[in-house]
N, C-alpha and C. Protein backbone atom coordinates (compact mmCIF):
# COMPACT_ATOMS: atom_id res chain seq x y z
N MET A 1 -19.24 -36.97 98.82
CA MET A 1 -18.82 -37.72 97.65
C MET A 1 -17.32 -37.50 97.44
N PRO A 2 -16.49 -38.25 98.14
CA PRO A 2 -15.04 -38.03 98.05
C PRO A 2 -14.45 -38.36 96.68
N ASP A 3 -15.17 -39.13 95.89
CA ASP A 3 -14.65 -39.53 94.59
C ASP A 3 -15.12 -38.65 93.44
N LYS A 4 -15.71 -37.50 93.74
CA LYS A 4 -16.31 -36.66 92.70
C LYS A 4 -15.29 -36.17 91.67
N PHE A 5 -14.09 -35.82 92.12
CA PHE A 5 -13.05 -35.37 91.17
C PHE A 5 -12.60 -36.53 90.28
N LEU A 6 -12.49 -37.71 90.88
CA LEU A 6 -12.09 -38.89 90.11
C LEU A 6 -13.12 -39.21 89.04
N LYS A 7 -14.39 -39.09 89.38
CA LYS A 7 -15.45 -39.36 88.39
C LYS A 7 -15.32 -38.44 87.19
N VAL A 8 -14.99 -37.18 87.43
CA VAL A 8 -14.86 -36.22 86.33
C VAL A 8 -13.67 -36.58 85.45
N VAL A 9 -12.52 -36.93 86.03
CA VAL A 9 -11.36 -37.25 85.20
C VAL A 9 -11.58 -38.56 84.45
N VAL A 10 -12.28 -39.51 85.05
CA VAL A 10 -12.59 -40.75 84.34
C VAL A 10 -13.55 -40.47 83.19
N LEU A 11 -14.54 -39.64 83.44
CA LEU A 11 -15.47 -39.27 82.37
C LEU A 11 -14.74 -38.57 81.23
N ALA A 12 -13.78 -37.72 81.57
CA ALA A 12 -12.97 -37.06 80.54
C ALA A 12 -12.16 -38.08 79.75
N ALA A 13 -11.59 -39.04 80.45
CA ALA A 13 -10.75 -40.05 79.79
C ALA A 13 -11.55 -40.91 78.81
N VAL A 14 -12.80 -41.19 79.12
CA VAL A 14 -13.61 -42.04 78.24
C VAL A 14 -14.45 -41.23 77.25
N SER A 15 -14.31 -39.93 77.25
CA SER A 15 -15.17 -39.08 76.43
C SER A 15 -15.05 -39.36 74.93
N ASP A 16 -13.92 -39.90 74.50
CA ASP A 16 -13.76 -40.21 73.08
C ASP A 16 -14.03 -41.68 72.78
N GLY A 17 -14.55 -42.41 73.75
CA GLY A 17 -14.91 -43.80 73.52
C GLY A 17 -13.89 -44.82 73.99
N GLU A 18 -12.70 -44.37 74.30
CA GLU A 18 -11.68 -45.29 74.82
C GLU A 18 -10.66 -44.51 75.64
N ILE A 19 -10.03 -45.22 76.54
CA ILE A 19 -9.01 -44.59 77.37
C ILE A 19 -7.65 -44.87 76.75
N GLN A 20 -6.98 -43.79 76.34
CA GLN A 20 -5.63 -43.91 75.78
C GLN A 20 -4.65 -44.21 76.90
N GLU A 21 -3.54 -44.82 76.57
CA GLU A 21 -2.51 -45.13 77.57
C GLU A 21 -2.03 -43.86 78.28
N SER A 22 -1.85 -42.79 77.51
CA SER A 22 -1.39 -41.53 78.10
C SER A 22 -2.44 -40.94 79.04
N GLU A 23 -3.72 -41.10 78.70
CA GLU A 23 -4.78 -40.61 79.57
C GLU A 23 -4.82 -41.42 80.87
N LEU A 24 -4.68 -42.72 80.74
CA LEU A 24 -4.67 -43.57 81.93
C LEU A 24 -3.50 -43.21 82.84
N ALA A 25 -2.35 -42.91 82.24
CA ALA A 25 -1.18 -42.52 83.03
C ALA A 25 -1.46 -41.23 83.80
N VAL A 26 -2.10 -40.26 83.15
CA VAL A 26 -2.43 -39.01 83.83
C VAL A 26 -3.42 -39.26 84.95
N VAL A 27 -4.46 -40.05 84.68
CA VAL A 27 -5.45 -40.37 85.72
C VAL A 27 -4.77 -41.04 86.91
N ASN A 28 -3.93 -42.02 86.64
CA ASN A 28 -3.23 -42.73 87.73
C ASN A 28 -2.29 -41.80 88.50
N ASN A 29 -1.61 -40.91 87.78
CA ASN A 29 -0.72 -39.95 88.43
C ASN A 29 -1.51 -38.98 89.32
N LEU A 30 -2.63 -38.50 88.80
CA LEU A 30 -3.48 -37.62 89.60
C LEU A 30 -3.99 -38.34 90.83
N LYS A 31 -4.43 -39.58 90.65
CA LYS A 31 -4.95 -40.37 91.78
C LYS A 31 -3.88 -40.58 92.84
N ALA A 32 -2.65 -40.75 92.41
CA ALA A 32 -1.56 -41.02 93.35
C ALA A 32 -1.01 -39.78 94.02
N SER A 33 -1.07 -38.63 93.34
CA SER A 33 -0.34 -37.49 93.88
C SER A 33 -1.12 -36.19 94.05
N HIS A 34 -2.22 -36.01 93.36
CA HIS A 34 -2.93 -34.73 93.43
C HIS A 34 -3.69 -34.62 94.75
N PRO A 35 -3.59 -33.48 95.43
CA PRO A 35 -4.26 -33.32 96.73
C PRO A 35 -5.78 -33.57 96.70
N LEU A 36 -6.42 -33.34 95.58
CA LEU A 36 -7.87 -33.54 95.49
C LEU A 36 -8.25 -35.00 95.26
N LEU A 37 -7.27 -35.82 94.90
CA LEU A 37 -7.56 -37.22 94.55
C LEU A 37 -6.78 -38.25 95.36
N ARG A 38 -5.67 -37.89 95.92
CA ARG A 38 -4.78 -38.90 96.51
C ARG A 38 -5.33 -39.58 97.75
N ASP A 39 -6.28 -38.97 98.43
CA ASP A 39 -6.81 -39.58 99.64
C ASP A 39 -8.03 -40.46 99.40
N ILE A 40 -8.39 -40.63 98.14
CA ILE A 40 -9.52 -41.50 97.81
C ILE A 40 -9.05 -42.95 97.97
N SER A 41 -9.77 -43.70 98.76
CA SER A 41 -9.40 -45.10 98.97
C SER A 41 -9.57 -45.88 97.67
N ASP A 42 -8.89 -47.01 97.58
CA ASP A 42 -9.03 -47.85 96.39
C ASP A 42 -10.46 -48.32 96.20
N VAL A 43 -11.14 -48.62 97.30
CA VAL A 43 -12.54 -49.06 97.23
C VAL A 43 -13.42 -47.93 96.69
N ALA A 44 -13.23 -46.71 97.20
CA ALA A 44 -14.01 -45.57 96.72
C ALA A 44 -13.69 -45.27 95.25
N ALA A 45 -12.42 -45.41 94.88
CA ALA A 45 -12.02 -45.18 93.49
C ALA A 45 -12.69 -46.20 92.57
N GLN A 46 -12.66 -47.46 92.95
CA GLN A 46 -13.30 -48.49 92.14
C GLN A 46 -14.80 -48.25 92.03
N SER A 47 -15.40 -47.83 93.12
CA SER A 47 -16.83 -47.54 93.13
C SER A 47 -17.15 -46.36 92.22
N GLY A 48 -16.32 -45.33 92.26
CA GLY A 48 -16.52 -44.16 91.41
C GLY A 48 -16.39 -44.48 89.94
N VAL A 49 -15.37 -45.26 89.59
CA VAL A 49 -15.18 -45.68 88.20
C VAL A 49 -16.35 -46.53 87.74
N ALA A 50 -16.77 -47.47 88.60
CA ALA A 50 -17.91 -48.34 88.26
C ALA A 50 -19.18 -47.52 88.07
N ASP A 51 -19.37 -46.50 88.89
CA ASP A 51 -20.56 -45.65 88.77
C ASP A 51 -20.59 -44.95 87.41
N VAL A 52 -19.47 -44.38 87.01
CA VAL A 52 -19.39 -43.71 85.71
C VAL A 52 -19.63 -44.72 84.59
N TYR A 53 -18.96 -45.86 84.66
CA TYR A 53 -19.09 -46.91 83.64
C TYR A 53 -20.54 -47.38 83.54
N ASN A 54 -21.16 -47.65 84.68
CA ASN A 54 -22.55 -48.14 84.67
C ASN A 54 -23.51 -47.13 84.07
N LYS A 55 -23.33 -45.87 84.38
CA LYS A 55 -24.20 -44.83 83.84
C LYS A 55 -24.02 -44.71 82.33
N LEU A 56 -22.78 -44.73 81.88
CA LEU A 56 -22.53 -44.65 80.44
C LEU A 56 -23.06 -45.89 79.73
N SER A 57 -22.86 -47.07 80.33
CA SER A 57 -23.34 -48.32 79.74
C SER A 57 -24.86 -48.36 79.64
N ALA A 58 -25.51 -47.70 80.59
CA ALA A 58 -26.97 -47.65 80.59
C ALA A 58 -27.51 -46.61 79.60
N GLY A 59 -26.61 -45.90 78.94
CA GLY A 59 -27.01 -44.93 77.93
C GLY A 59 -27.17 -43.51 78.45
N MET A 60 -26.76 -43.26 79.68
CA MET A 60 -26.87 -41.91 80.23
C MET A 60 -25.84 -41.01 79.54
N GLU A 61 -26.27 -39.84 79.13
CA GLU A 61 -25.38 -38.91 78.46
C GLU A 61 -24.44 -38.26 79.46
N ALA A 62 -23.24 -37.92 78.99
CA ALA A 62 -22.25 -37.27 79.85
C ALA A 62 -22.81 -35.99 80.45
N LYS A 63 -23.62 -35.27 79.69
CA LYS A 63 -24.22 -34.03 80.18
C LYS A 63 -24.98 -34.27 81.48
N HIS A 64 -25.76 -35.33 81.53
CA HIS A 64 -26.57 -35.62 82.71
C HIS A 64 -25.71 -36.12 83.87
N ILE A 65 -24.68 -36.86 83.55
CA ILE A 65 -23.74 -37.29 84.60
C ILE A 65 -23.06 -36.07 85.20
N LEU A 66 -22.64 -35.14 84.35
CA LEU A 66 -21.99 -33.91 84.82
C LEU A 66 -22.95 -33.08 85.67
N GLU A 67 -24.21 -33.03 85.28
CA GLU A 67 -25.19 -32.30 86.08
C GLU A 67 -25.28 -32.89 87.48
N GLN A 68 -25.34 -34.22 87.56
CA GLN A 68 -25.42 -34.89 88.86
C GLN A 68 -24.17 -34.65 89.69
N ILE A 69 -23.02 -34.87 89.09
CA ILE A 69 -21.76 -34.70 89.81
C ILE A 69 -21.60 -33.24 90.23
N GLY A 70 -21.98 -32.32 89.35
CA GLY A 70 -21.82 -30.90 89.62
C GLY A 70 -22.55 -30.43 90.86
N GLU A 71 -23.62 -31.11 91.24
CA GLU A 71 -24.37 -30.74 92.44
C GLU A 71 -23.52 -30.86 93.71
N ALA A 72 -22.48 -31.69 93.66
CA ALA A 72 -21.64 -31.92 94.83
C ALA A 72 -20.45 -30.95 94.90
N PHE A 73 -20.29 -30.11 93.88
CA PHE A 73 -19.15 -29.20 93.79
C PHE A 73 -19.51 -27.77 94.17
N THR A 74 -18.56 -27.08 94.76
CA THR A 74 -18.65 -25.63 94.88
C THR A 74 -18.21 -25.05 93.54
N GLU A 75 -18.36 -23.75 93.36
CA GLU A 75 -17.92 -23.12 92.12
C GLU A 75 -16.42 -23.31 91.90
N THR A 76 -15.64 -23.11 92.94
CA THR A 76 -14.19 -23.29 92.83
C THR A 76 -13.84 -24.73 92.49
N GLU A 77 -14.52 -25.67 93.11
CA GLU A 77 -14.25 -27.09 92.82
C GLU A 77 -14.61 -27.43 91.37
N LYS A 78 -15.66 -26.81 90.84
CA LYS A 78 -15.99 -27.02 89.43
C LYS A 78 -14.85 -26.55 88.54
N HIS A 79 -14.26 -25.41 88.88
CA HIS A 79 -13.14 -24.89 88.09
C HIS A 79 -11.94 -25.84 88.19
N GLN A 80 -11.69 -26.36 89.37
CA GLN A 80 -10.59 -27.30 89.56
C GLN A 80 -10.84 -28.59 88.78
N ALA A 81 -12.05 -29.12 88.87
CA ALA A 81 -12.39 -30.35 88.16
C ALA A 81 -12.32 -30.14 86.65
N TYR A 82 -12.75 -28.97 86.20
CA TYR A 82 -12.66 -28.62 84.78
C TYR A 82 -11.21 -28.66 84.31
N ALA A 83 -10.32 -28.04 85.08
CA ALA A 83 -8.89 -28.03 84.71
C ALA A 83 -8.33 -29.45 84.68
N LEU A 84 -8.70 -30.27 85.64
CA LEU A 84 -8.22 -31.66 85.66
C LEU A 84 -8.75 -32.44 84.46
N ALA A 85 -10.01 -32.22 84.12
CA ALA A 85 -10.58 -32.91 82.96
C ALA A 85 -9.86 -32.50 81.68
N ARG A 86 -9.58 -31.22 81.55
CA ARG A 86 -8.85 -30.74 80.36
C ARG A 86 -7.46 -31.36 80.31
N GLU A 87 -6.83 -31.50 81.46
CA GLU A 87 -5.50 -32.12 81.55
C GLU A 87 -5.54 -33.54 81.00
N VAL A 88 -6.55 -34.29 81.40
CA VAL A 88 -6.68 -35.68 80.93
C VAL A 88 -6.91 -35.71 79.42
N CYS A 89 -7.79 -34.86 78.93
CA CYS A 89 -8.07 -34.84 77.49
C CYS A 89 -6.84 -34.45 76.67
N ALA A 90 -5.95 -33.65 77.24
CA ALA A 90 -4.76 -33.20 76.52
C ALA A 90 -3.58 -34.16 76.65
N ALA A 91 -3.74 -35.21 77.41
CA ALA A 91 -2.62 -36.10 77.74
C ALA A 91 -1.88 -36.64 76.53
N ASP A 92 -2.59 -36.87 75.43
CA ASP A 92 -1.93 -37.42 74.24
C ASP A 92 -1.57 -36.33 73.23
N HIS A 93 -1.51 -35.08 73.72
CA HIS A 93 -1.07 -33.92 72.93
C HIS A 93 -1.98 -33.59 71.75
N LYS A 94 -3.24 -33.99 71.88
CA LYS A 94 -4.24 -33.61 70.88
C LYS A 94 -5.61 -33.71 71.54
N ILE A 95 -6.53 -32.95 71.02
CA ILE A 95 -7.91 -32.99 71.50
C ILE A 95 -8.77 -33.50 70.34
N LEU A 96 -9.30 -34.70 70.52
CA LEU A 96 -10.16 -35.28 69.50
C LEU A 96 -11.53 -34.60 69.52
N PRO A 97 -12.27 -34.68 68.42
CA PRO A 97 -13.58 -34.02 68.36
C PRO A 97 -14.51 -34.42 69.52
N ALA A 98 -14.54 -35.68 69.88
CA ALA A 98 -15.41 -36.11 70.99
C ALA A 98 -14.95 -35.50 72.31
N GLU A 99 -13.65 -35.35 72.47
CA GLU A 99 -13.12 -34.71 73.68
C GLU A 99 -13.48 -33.22 73.70
N ALA A 100 -13.38 -32.57 72.54
CA ALA A 100 -13.75 -31.16 72.43
C ALA A 100 -15.23 -30.99 72.77
N ASP A 101 -16.06 -31.91 72.30
CA ASP A 101 -17.50 -31.86 72.62
C ASP A 101 -17.72 -32.02 74.12
N PHE A 102 -16.99 -32.94 74.74
CA PHE A 102 -17.11 -33.14 76.18
C PHE A 102 -16.71 -31.87 76.93
N ILE A 103 -15.61 -31.27 76.53
CA ILE A 103 -15.13 -30.04 77.18
C ILE A 103 -16.17 -28.92 77.04
N THR A 104 -16.74 -28.78 75.84
CA THR A 104 -17.77 -27.76 75.62
C THR A 104 -18.99 -28.03 76.50
N THR A 105 -19.38 -29.29 76.58
CA THR A 105 -20.52 -29.66 77.44
C THR A 105 -20.22 -29.31 78.88
N LEU A 106 -19.03 -29.63 79.33
CA LEU A 106 -18.62 -29.32 80.71
C LEU A 106 -18.68 -27.82 80.97
N GLU A 107 -18.16 -27.05 80.03
CA GLU A 107 -18.18 -25.58 80.17
C GLU A 107 -19.62 -25.05 80.27
N GLU A 108 -20.50 -25.62 79.46
CA GLU A 108 -21.89 -25.15 79.43
C GLU A 108 -22.66 -25.60 80.67
N VAL A 109 -22.56 -26.87 81.01
CA VAL A 109 -23.33 -27.41 82.14
C VAL A 109 -22.92 -26.76 83.45
N TRP A 110 -21.64 -26.52 83.62
CA TRP A 110 -21.14 -25.95 84.87
C TRP A 110 -20.91 -24.44 84.79
N SER A 111 -21.27 -23.83 83.69
CA SER A 111 -21.10 -22.38 83.51
C SER A 111 -19.68 -21.93 83.86
N ILE A 112 -18.70 -22.58 83.24
CA ILE A 112 -17.30 -22.24 83.49
C ILE A 112 -17.03 -20.86 82.87
N PRO A 113 -16.55 -19.91 83.66
CA PRO A 113 -16.31 -18.56 83.14
C PRO A 113 -15.21 -18.52 82.08
N LYS A 114 -15.33 -17.56 81.17
CA LYS A 114 -14.38 -17.41 80.07
C LYS A 114 -12.95 -17.25 80.58
N ASP A 115 -12.75 -16.51 81.67
CA ASP A 115 -11.38 -16.32 82.16
C ASP A 115 -10.76 -17.64 82.62
N VAL A 116 -11.56 -18.55 83.19
CA VAL A 116 -11.05 -19.87 83.59
C VAL A 116 -10.73 -20.68 82.35
N VAL A 117 -11.63 -20.67 81.38
CA VAL A 117 -11.41 -21.40 80.12
C VAL A 117 -10.12 -20.90 79.45
N ASP A 118 -9.97 -19.59 79.37
CA ASP A 118 -8.79 -19.01 78.72
C ASP A 118 -7.50 -19.36 79.47
N THR A 119 -7.54 -19.32 80.78
CA THR A 119 -6.35 -19.64 81.58
C THR A 119 -5.94 -21.09 81.40
N VAL A 120 -6.91 -21.99 81.49
CA VAL A 120 -6.61 -23.41 81.31
C VAL A 120 -6.13 -23.68 79.89
N SER A 121 -6.77 -23.06 78.91
CA SER A 121 -6.36 -23.24 77.51
C SER A 121 -4.92 -22.78 77.28
N LYS A 122 -4.57 -21.64 77.84
CA LYS A 122 -3.20 -21.13 77.68
C LYS A 122 -2.20 -22.07 78.34
N SER A 123 -2.51 -22.56 79.51
CA SER A 123 -1.62 -23.48 80.21
C SER A 123 -1.41 -24.76 79.39
N LEU A 124 -2.49 -25.31 78.85
CA LEU A 124 -2.38 -26.53 78.06
C LEU A 124 -1.60 -26.28 76.77
N LYS A 125 -1.81 -25.12 76.17
CA LYS A 125 -1.08 -24.80 74.95
C LYS A 125 0.43 -24.72 75.22
N LEU A 126 0.78 -24.12 76.34
CA LEU A 126 2.20 -24.00 76.70
C LEU A 126 2.82 -25.37 77.03
N ARG A 127 2.06 -26.21 77.71
CA ARG A 127 2.62 -27.48 78.16
C ARG A 127 2.47 -28.61 77.16
N TYR A 128 1.40 -28.60 76.36
CA TYR A 128 1.13 -29.71 75.45
C TYR A 128 1.17 -29.32 73.97
N SER A 129 1.40 -28.05 73.69
CA SER A 129 1.45 -27.55 72.31
C SER A 129 0.16 -27.85 71.55
N ILE A 130 -0.96 -27.67 72.23
CA ILE A 130 -2.26 -27.89 71.55
C ILE A 130 -3.11 -26.64 71.64
C-alpha cells in the first residue's frame, strides 16, 4: 500500500470536516517533497484520496479507517505517520477540537508512546506556537 502515508495525512486534513487552505498546502508540499510520499504516483494518490473520501462518505469512523491503515504500518512507520498527521493538523497554527479528537484517536488506536507524543508536541509548539 504505497499510499498509506498519504491516506493518513488526508484523513488528518479532513478530521475537522473541511480542508483548510493551509492544510492543503502542507499535504501538497509533503506529497511533492517528503521521502515517504513523493514517489506516490498521481494515480495512486487519487485512488488513496478517493478511498478515504468514500469510506468517510459511507459513514465509516476515522477510528476504523485508522485501524485498517495501521495494519500496513510497522511501529516506526506509525510514529512517522502520526508526526505527519500532527503536522497537517497544526498547519493553520491552531488545533480545533475535532482535530484534537482525531489526534487522540490516532494515539489510542496505534498505541503511540508518550515519548513520541511529547517529542512531536514540543516540535509543533516550537514551530507553530501551539
